[in-house]
Amino acid sequence: IREKSAELVSKSFRYADQKMARGWWL
């Protein structure tokens, strides 16, 4: 469960980090 969660978290954070390139979500 922990290993799968780490995999999913990495994918989600990659997406979020790209969104935050301008500084904020909005």
PDB file of all heavy atoms in Angstrom:
ATOM      1  N   ILE A   1       0.841  -1.200   0.000  1.00  0.00           N
ATOM      2  CA  ILE A   1       0.000   0.000   0.000  1.00  0.00           C
ATOM      3  C   ILE A   1       0.871   1.243   0.000  1.00  0.00           C
ATOM      4  O   ILE A   1       0.617   2.207  -0.740  1.00  0.00           O
ATOM      5  CB  ILE A   1      -0.947  -0.008   1.210  1.00  0.00           C
ATOM      6  CG1 ILE A   1      -1.975  -1.120   1.064  1.00  0.00           C
ATOM      7  CG2 ILE A   1      -1.639   1.343   1.369  1.00  0.00           C
ATOM      8  CD1 ILE A   1      -2.828  -1.325   2.283  1.00  0.00           C
ATOM      9  N   ARG A   2       1.902   1.231   0.798  1.00  0.00           N
ATOM     10  CA  ARG A   2       2.797   2.385   0.858  1.00  0.00           C
ATOM     11  C   ARG A   2       3.516   2.598  -0.477  1.00  0.00           C
ATOM     12  O   ARG A   2       3.638   3.734  -0.950  1.00  0.00           O
ATOM     13  CB  ARG A   2       3.808   2.216   1.986  1.00  0.00           C
ATOM     14  CG  ARG A   2       4.752   3.397   2.144  1.00  0.00           C
ATOM     15  CD  ARG A   2       5.693   3.229   3.331  1.00  0.00           C
ATOM     16  NE  ARG A   2       6.705   4.271   3.338  1.00  0.00           N
ATOM     17  CZ  ARG A   2       6.526   5.508   3.786  1.00  0.00           C
ATOM     18  NH1 ARG A   2       5.349   5.855   4.297  1.00  0.00           N
ATOM     19  NH2 ARG A   2       7.488   6.398   3.742  1.00  0.00           N
ATOM     20  N   GLU A   3       3.964   1.517  -1.092  1.00  0.00           N
ATOM     21  CA  GLU A   3       4.670   1.633  -2.370  1.00  0.00           C
ATOM     22  C   GLU A   3       3.742   2.165  -3.459  1.00  0.00           C
ATOM     23  O   GLU A   3       4.134   3.020  -4.262  1.00  0.00           O
ATOM     24  CB  GLU A   3       5.246   0.280  -2.768  1.00  0.00           C
ATOM     25  CG  GLU A   3       6.428  -0.156  -1.904  1.00  0.00           C
ATOM     26  CD  GLU A   3       6.925  -1.550  -2.269  1.00  0.00           C
ATOM     27  OE1 GLU A   3       6.226  -2.242  -3.045  1.00  0.00           O
ATOM     28  OE2 GLU A   3       7.993  -1.937  -1.763  1.00  0.00           O
ATOM     29  N   LYS A   4       2.520   1.667  -3.503  1.00  0.00           N
ATOM     30  CA  LYS A   4       1.561   2.144  -4.504  1.00  0.00           C
ATOM     31  C   LYS A   4       1.187   3.598  -4.242  1.00  0.00           C
ATOM     32  O   LYS A   4       1.050   4.399  -5.184  1.00  0.00           O
ATOM     33  CB  LYS A   4       0.313   1.271  -4.486  1.00  0.00           C
ATOM     34  CG  LYS A   4      -0.667   1.601  -5.618  1.00  0.00           C
ATOM     35  CD  LYS A   4      -0.020   1.369  -6.980  1.00  0.00           C
ATOM     36  CE  LYS A   4      -0.993   1.628  -8.113  1.00  0.00           C
ATOM     37  NZ  LYS A   4      -0.379   1.393  -9.451  1.00  0.00           N
ATOM     38  N   SER A   5       1.040   3.954  -2.966  1.00  0.00           N
ATOM     39  CA  SER A   5       0.726   5.340  -2.615  1.00  0.00           C
ATOM     40  C   SER A   5       1.843   6.268  -3.068  1.00  0.00           C
ATOM     41  O   SER A   5       1.581   7.364  -3.581  1.00  0.00           O
ATOM     42  CB  SER A   5       0.500   5.467  -1.109  1.00  0.00           C
ATOM     43  OG  SER A   5      -0.631   4.726  -0.695  1.00  0.00           O
ATOM     44  N   ALA A   6       3.095   5.850  -2.885  1.00  0.00           N
ATOM     45  CA  ALA A   6       4.237   6.660  -3.315  1.00  0.00           C
ATOM     46  C   ALA A   6       4.217   6.864  -4.826  1.00  0.00           C
ATOM     47  O   ALA A   6       4.521   7.964  -5.327  1.00  0.00           O
ATOM     48  CB  ALA A   6       5.543   6.002  -2.880  1.00  0.00           C
ATOM     49  N   GLU A   7       3.855   5.830  -5.548  1.00  0.00           N
ATOM     50  CA  GLU A   7       3.759   5.932  -7.012  1.00  0.00           C
ATOM     51  C   GLU A   7       2.688   6.936  -7.421  1.00  0.00           C
ATOM     52  O   GLU A   7       2.900   7.801  -8.286  1.00  0.00           O
ATOM     53  CB  GLU A   7       3.450   4.561  -7.600  1.00  0.00           C
ATOM     54  CG  GLU A   7       3.230   4.545  -9.099  1.00  0.00           C
ATOM     55  CD  GLU A   7       2.731   3.205  -9.592  1.00  0.00           C
ATOM     56  OE1 GLU A   7       3.087   2.168  -8.975  1.00  0.00           O
ATOM     57  OE2 GLU A   7       1.981   3.178 -10.582  1.00  0.00           O
ATOM     58  N   LEU A   8       1.530   6.835  -6.790  1.00  0.00           N
ATOM     59  CA  LEU A   8       0.424   7.737  -7.116  1.00  0.00           C
ATOM     60  C   LEU A   8       0.729   9.168  -6.694  1.00  0.00           C
ATOM     61  O   LEU A   8       0.411  10.125  -7.414  1.00  0.00           O
ATOM     62  CB  LEU A   8      -0.857   7.252  -6.435  1.00  0.00           C
ATOM     63  CG  LEU A   8      -1.391   5.909  -6.922  1.00  0.00           C
ATOM     64  CD1 LEU A   8      -2.546   5.443  -6.041  1.00  0.00           C
ATOM     65  CD2 LEU A   8      -1.835   5.999  -8.373  1.00  0.00           C
ATOM     66  N   VAL A   9       1.343   9.333  -5.525  1.00  0.00           N
ATOM     67  CA  VAL A   9       1.707  10.664  -5.038  1.00  0.00           C
ATOM     68  C   VAL A   9       2.687  11.330  -5.995  1.00  0.00           C
ATOM     69  O   VAL A   9       2.570  12.530  -6.287  1.00  0.00           O
ATOM     70  CB  VAL A   9       2.293  10.575  -3.615  1.00  0.00           C
ATOM     71  CG1 VAL A   9       3.065  11.835  -3.260  1.00  0.00           C
ATOM     72  CG2 VAL A   9       1.170  10.360  -2.601  1.00  0.00           C
ATOM     73  N   SER A  10       3.660  10.585  -6.486  1.00  0.00           N
ATOM     74  CA  SER A  10       4.638  11.146  -7.422  1.00  0.00           C
ATOM     75  C   SER A  10       3.943  11.678  -8.676  1.00  0.00           C
ATOM     76  O   SER A  10       4.250  12.774  -9.159  1.00  0.00           O
ATOM     77  CB  SER A  10       5.674  10.087  -7.814  1.00  0.00           C
ATOM     78  OG  SER A  10       6.468   9.719  -6.711  1.00  0.00           O
ATOM     79  N   LYS A  11       3.003  10.910  -9.194  1.00  0.00           N
ATOM     80  CA  LYS A  11       2.258  11.340 -10.380  1.00  0.00           C
ATOM     81  C   LYS A  11       1.454  12.609 -10.087  1.00  0.00           C
ATOM     82  O   LYS A  11       1.459  13.565 -10.875  1.00  0.00           O
ATOM     83  CB  LYS A  11       1.336  10.214 -10.829  1.00  0.00           C
ATOM     84  CG  LYS A  11       0.507  10.545 -12.061  1.00  0.00           C
ATOM     85  CD  LYS A  11      -0.377   9.369 -12.448  1.00  0.00           C
ATOM     86  CE  LYS A  11      -1.227   9.693 -13.667  1.00  0.00           C
ATOM     87  NZ  LYS A  11      -2.103   8.546 -14.047  1.00  0.00           N
ATOM     88  N   SER A  12       0.786  12.628  -8.951  1.00  0.00           N
ATOM     89  CA  SER A  12      -0.036  13.784  -8.592  1.00  0.00           C
ATOM     90  C   SER A  12       0.814  15.021  -8.344  1.00  0.00           C
ATOM     91  O   SER A  12       0.454  16.132  -8.768  1.00  0.00           O
ATOM     92  CB  SER A  12      -0.867  13.468  -7.338  1.00  0.00           C
ATOM     93  OG  SER A  12      -1.810  12.455  -7.601  1.00  0.00           O
ATOM     94  N   PHE A  13       1.944  14.845  -7.678  1.00  0.00           N
ATOM     95  CA  PHE A  13       2.804  15.995  -7.405  1.00  0.00           C
ATOM     96  C   PHE A  13       3.465  16.529  -8.671  1.00  0.00           C
ATOM     97  O   PHE A  13       3.729  17.731  -8.765  1.00  0.00           O
ATOM     98  CB  PHE A  13       3.852  15.632  -6.366  1.00  0.00           C
ATOM     99  CG  PHE A  13       3.332  15.627  -4.945  1.00  0.00           C
ATOM    100  CD1 PHE A  13       3.958  14.863  -3.967  1.00  0.00           C
ATOM    101  CD2 PHE A  13       2.241  16.386  -4.577  1.00  0.00           C
ATOM    102  CE1 PHE A  13       3.487  14.852  -2.668  1.00  0.00           C
ATOM    103  CE2 PHE A  13       1.753  16.387  -3.278  1.00  0.00           C
ATOM    104  CZ  PHE A  13       2.384  15.614  -2.318  1.00  0.00           C
ATOM    105  N   ARG A  14       3.745  15.664  -9.643  1.00  0.00           N
ATOM    106  CA  ARG A  14       4.277  16.159 -10.923  1.00  0.00           C
ATOM    107  C   ARG A  14       3.266  17.086 -11.587  1.00  0.00           C
ATOM    108  O   ARG A  14       3.614  18.160 -12.099  1.00  0.00           O
ATOM    109  CB  ARG A  14       4.609  14.991 -11.854  1.00  0.00           C
ATOM    110  CG  ARG A  14       5.947  14.331 -11.579  1.00  0.00           C
ATOM    111  CD  ARG A  14       6.395  13.458 -12.746  1.00  0.00           C
ATOM    112  NE  ARG A  14       5.465  12.377 -13.030  1.00  0.00           N
ATOM    113  CZ  ARG A  14       5.508  11.189 -12.450  1.00  0.00           C
ATOM    114  NH1 ARG A  14       6.438  10.923 -11.533  1.00  0.00           N
ATOM    115  NH2 ARG A  14       4.633  10.252 -12.757  1.00  0.00           N
ATOM    116  N   TYR A  15       2.023  16.655 -11.565  1.00  0.00           N
ATOM    117  CA  TYR A  15       0.953  17.484 -12.127  1.00  0.00           C
ATOM    118  C   TYR A  15       0.832  18.800 -11.371  1.00  0.00           C
ATOM    119  O   TYR A  15       0.778  19.885 -11.975  1.00  0.00           O
ATOM    120  CB  TYR A  15      -0.364  16.713 -12.060  1.00  0.00           C
ATOM    121  CG  TYR A  15      -1.600  17.534 -12.284  1.00  0.00           C
ATOM    122  CD1 TYR A  15      -1.908  18.043 -13.535  1.00  0.00           C
ATOM    123  CD2 TYR A  15      -2.481  17.794 -11.226  1.00  0.00           C
ATOM    124  CE1 TYR A  15      -3.054  18.795 -13.744  1.00  0.00           C
ATOM    125  CE2 TYR A  15      -3.626  18.538 -11.429  1.00  0.00           C
ATOM    126  CZ  TYR A  15      -3.914  19.038 -12.676  1.00  0.00           C
ATOM    127  OH  TYR A  15      -5.042  19.792 -12.879  1.00  0.00           O
ATOM    128  N   ALA A  16       0.809  18.729 -10.039  1.00  0.00           N
ATOM    129  CA  ALA A  16       0.646  19.933  -9.226  1.00  0.00           C
ATOM    130  C   ALA A  16       1.839  20.870  -9.369  1.00  0.00           C
ATOM    131  O   ALA A  16       1.675  22.088  -9.414  1.00  0.00           O
ATOM    132  CB  ALA A  16       0.451  19.546  -7.763  1.00  0.00           C
ATOM    133  N   ASP A  17       3.032  20.317  -9.438  1.00  0.00           N
ATOM    134  CA  ASP A  17       4.224  21.156  -9.551  1.00  0.00           C
ATOM    135  C   ASP A  17       4.211  21.939 -10.854  1.00  0.00           C
ATOM    136  O   ASP A  17       4.613  23.111 -10.890  1.00  0.00           O
ATOM    137  CB  ASP A  17       5.482  20.288  -9.468  1.00  0.00           C
ATOM    138  CG  ASP A  17       6.707  21.102  -9.089  1.00  0.00           C
ATOM    139  OD1 ASP A  17       6.756  21.574  -7.932  1.00  0.00           O
ATOM    140  OD2 ASP A  17       7.597  21.276  -9.945  1.00  0.00           O
ATOM    141  N   GLN A  18       3.733  21.338 -11.917  1.00  0.00           N
ATOM    142  CA  GLN A  18       3.605  22.045 -13.191  1.00  0.00           C
ATOM    143  C   GLN A  18       2.575  23.163 -13.082  1.00  0.00           C
ATOM    144  O   GLN A  18       2.784  24.276 -13.583  1.00  0.00           O
ATOM    145  CB  GLN A  18       3.219  21.066 -14.299  1.00  0.00           C
ATOM    146  CG  GLN A  18       4.303  20.065 -14.643  1.00  0.00           C
ATOM    147  CD  GLN A  18       3.830  18.975 -15.583  1.00  0.00           C
ATOM    148  OE1 GLN A  18       2.656  18.935 -15.982  1.00  0.00           O
ATOM    149  NE2 GLN A  18       4.722  18.054 -15.934  1.00  0.00           N
ATOM    150  N   LYS A  19       1.452  22.864 -12.404  1.00  0.00           N
ATOM    151  CA  LYS A  19       0.414  23.886 -12.211  1.00  0.00           C
ATOM    152  C   LYS A  19       0.940  25.064 -11.406  1.00  0.00           C
ATOM    153  O   LYS A  19       0.535  26.205 -11.621  1.00  0.00           O
ATOM    154  CB  LYS A  19      -0.781  23.277 -11.471  1.00  0.00           C
ATOM    155  CG  LYS A  19      -1.649  22.356 -12.293  1.00  0.00           C
ATOM    156  CD  LYS A  19      -2.673  23.133 -13.113  1.00  0.00           C
ATOM    157  CE  LYS A  19      -3.733  23.781 -12.247  1.00  0.00           C
ATOM    158  NZ  LYS A  19      -4.786  24.454 -13.064  1.00  0.00           N
ATOM    159  N   MET A  20       1.861  24.785 -10.475  1.00  0.00           N
ATOM    160  CA  MET A  20       2.354  25.819  -9.569  1.00  0.00           C
ATOM    161  C   MET A  20       3.549  26.578 -10.134  1.00  0.00           C
ATOM    162  O   MET A  20       4.159  27.388  -9.435  1.00  0.00           O
ATOM    163  CB  MET A  20       2.737  25.183  -8.232  1.00  0.00           C
ATOM    164  CG  MET A  20       1.579  24.513  -7.507  1.00  0.00           C
ATOM    165  SD  MET A  20       0.281  25.668  -7.026  1.00  0.00           S
ATOM    166  CE  MET A  20       1.092  26.476  -5.652  1.00  0.00           C
ATOM    167  N   ALA A  21       3.889  26.351 -11.394  1.00  0.00           N
ATOM    168  CA  ALA A  21       5.028  27.033 -12.000  1.00  0.00           C
ATOM    169  C   ALA A  21       4.839  28.554 -11.992  1.00  0.00           C
ATOM    170  O   ALA A  21       5.811  29.311 -11.931  1.00  0.00           O
ATOM    171  CB  ALA A  21       5.240  26.534 -13.426  1.00  0.00           C
ATOM    172  N   ARG A  22       3.597  28.999 -12.007  1.00  0.00           N
ATOM    173  CA  ARG A  22       3.318  30.443 -11.980  1.00  0.00           C
ATOM    174  C   ARG A  22       3.238  30.974 -10.550  1.00  0.00           C
ATOM    175  O   ARG A  22       2.988  32.165 -10.347  1.00  0.00           O
ATOM    176  CB  ARG A  22       2.016  30.724 -12.701  1.00  0.00           C
ATOM    177  CG  ARG A  22       0.819  29.956 -12.148  1.00  0.00           C
ATOM    178  CD  ARG A  22      -0.392  30.080 -13.053  1.00  0.00           C
ATOM    179  NE  ARG A  22      -1.477  29.217 -12.592  1.00  0.00           N
ATOM    180  CZ  ARG A  22      -2.602  29.046 -13.279  1.00  0.00           C
ATOM    181  NH1 ARG A  22      -2.771  29.670 -14.428  1.00  0.00           N
ATOM    182  NH2 ARG A  22      -3.548  28.250 -12.808  1.00  0.00           N
ATOM    183  N   GLY A  23       3.427  30.108  -9.568  1.00  0.00           N
ATOM    184  CA  GLY A  23       3.458  30.540  -8.170  1.00  0.00           C
ATOM    185  C   GLY A  23       2.291  30.065  -7.340  1.00  0.00           C
ATOM    186  O   GLY A  23       2.455  29.716  -6.176  1.00  0.00           O
ATOM    187  N   TRP A  24       1.090  30.048  -7.957  1.00  0.00           N
ATOM    188  CA  TRP A  24      -0.123  29.658  -7.238  1.00  0.00           C
ATOM    189  C   TRP A  24      -0.978  28.770  -8.127  1.00  0.00           C
ATOM    190  O   TRP A  24      -0.798  28.741  -9.356  1.00  0.00           O
ATOM    191  CB  TRP A  24      -0.935  30.886  -6.813  1.00  0.00           C
ATOM    192  CG  TRP A  24      -0.165  31.917  -6.063  1.00  0.00           C
ATOM    193  CD1 TRP A  24       0.150  33.175  -6.506  1.00  0.00           C
ATOM    194  CD2 TRP A  24       0.405  31.804  -4.747  1.00  0.00           C
ATOM    195  NE1 TRP A  24       0.866  33.853  -5.550  1.00  0.00           N
ATOM    196  CE2 TRP A  24       1.045  33.043  -4.463  1.00  0.00           C
ATOM    197  CE3 TRP A  24       0.438  30.803  -3.792  1.00  0.00           C
ATOM    198  CZ2 TRP A  24       1.696  33.283  -3.258  1.00  0.00           C
ATOM    199  CZ3 TRP A  24       1.089  31.026  -2.598  1.00  0.00           C
ATOM    200  CH2 TRP A  24       1.704  32.261  -2.340  1.00  0.00           C
ATOM    201  N   TRP A  25      -1.915  28.056  -7.521  1.00  0.00           N
ATOM    202  CA  TRP A  25      -2.806  27.195  -8.292  1.00  0.00           C
ATOM    203  C   TRP A  25      -3.634  28.021  -9.281  1.00  0.00           C
ATOM    204  O   TRP A  25      -3.805  27.644 -10.435  1.00  0.00           O
ATOM    205  CB  TRP A  25      -3.727  26.422  -7.345  1.00  0.00           C
ATOM    206  CG  TRP A  25      -4.614  25.444  -8.037  1.00  0.00           C
ATOM    207  CD1 TRP A  25      -5.872  25.669  -8.542  1.00  0.00           C
ATOM    208  CD2 TRP A  25      -4.312  24.066  -8.335  1.00  0.00           C
ATOM    209  NE1 TRP A  25      -6.375  24.538  -9.109  1.00  0.00           N
ATOM    210  CE2 TRP A  25      -5.435  23.529  -9.001  1.00  0.00           C
ATOM    211  CE3 TRP A  25      -3.208  23.249  -8.094  1.00  0.00           C
ATOM    212  CZ2 TRP A  25      -5.480  22.211  -9.432  1.00  0.00           C
ATOM    213  CZ3 TRP A  25      -3.262  21.929  -8.520  1.00  0.00           C
ATOM    214  CH2 TRP A  25      -4.390  21.426  -9.184  1.00  0.00           C
ATOM    215  N   LEU A  26      -4.144  29.151  -8.806  1.00  0.00           N
ATOM    216  CA  LEU A  26      -4.850  30.093  -9.657  1.00  0.00           C
ATOM    217  C   LEU A  26      -3.886  31.218 -10.036  1.00  0.00           C
ATOM    218  O   LEU A  26      -2.688  31.127  -9.774  1.00  0.00           O
ATOM    219  CB  LEU A  26      -6.080  30.637  -8.924  1.00  0.00           C
ATOM    220  CG  LEU A  26      -7.082  29.584  -8.442  1.00  0.00           C
ATOM    221  CD1 LEU A  26      -8.202  30.239  -7.637  1.00  0.00           C
ATOM    222  CD2 LEU A  26      -7.665  28.806  -9.622  1.00  0.00           C
TER     223      LEU A  26
END
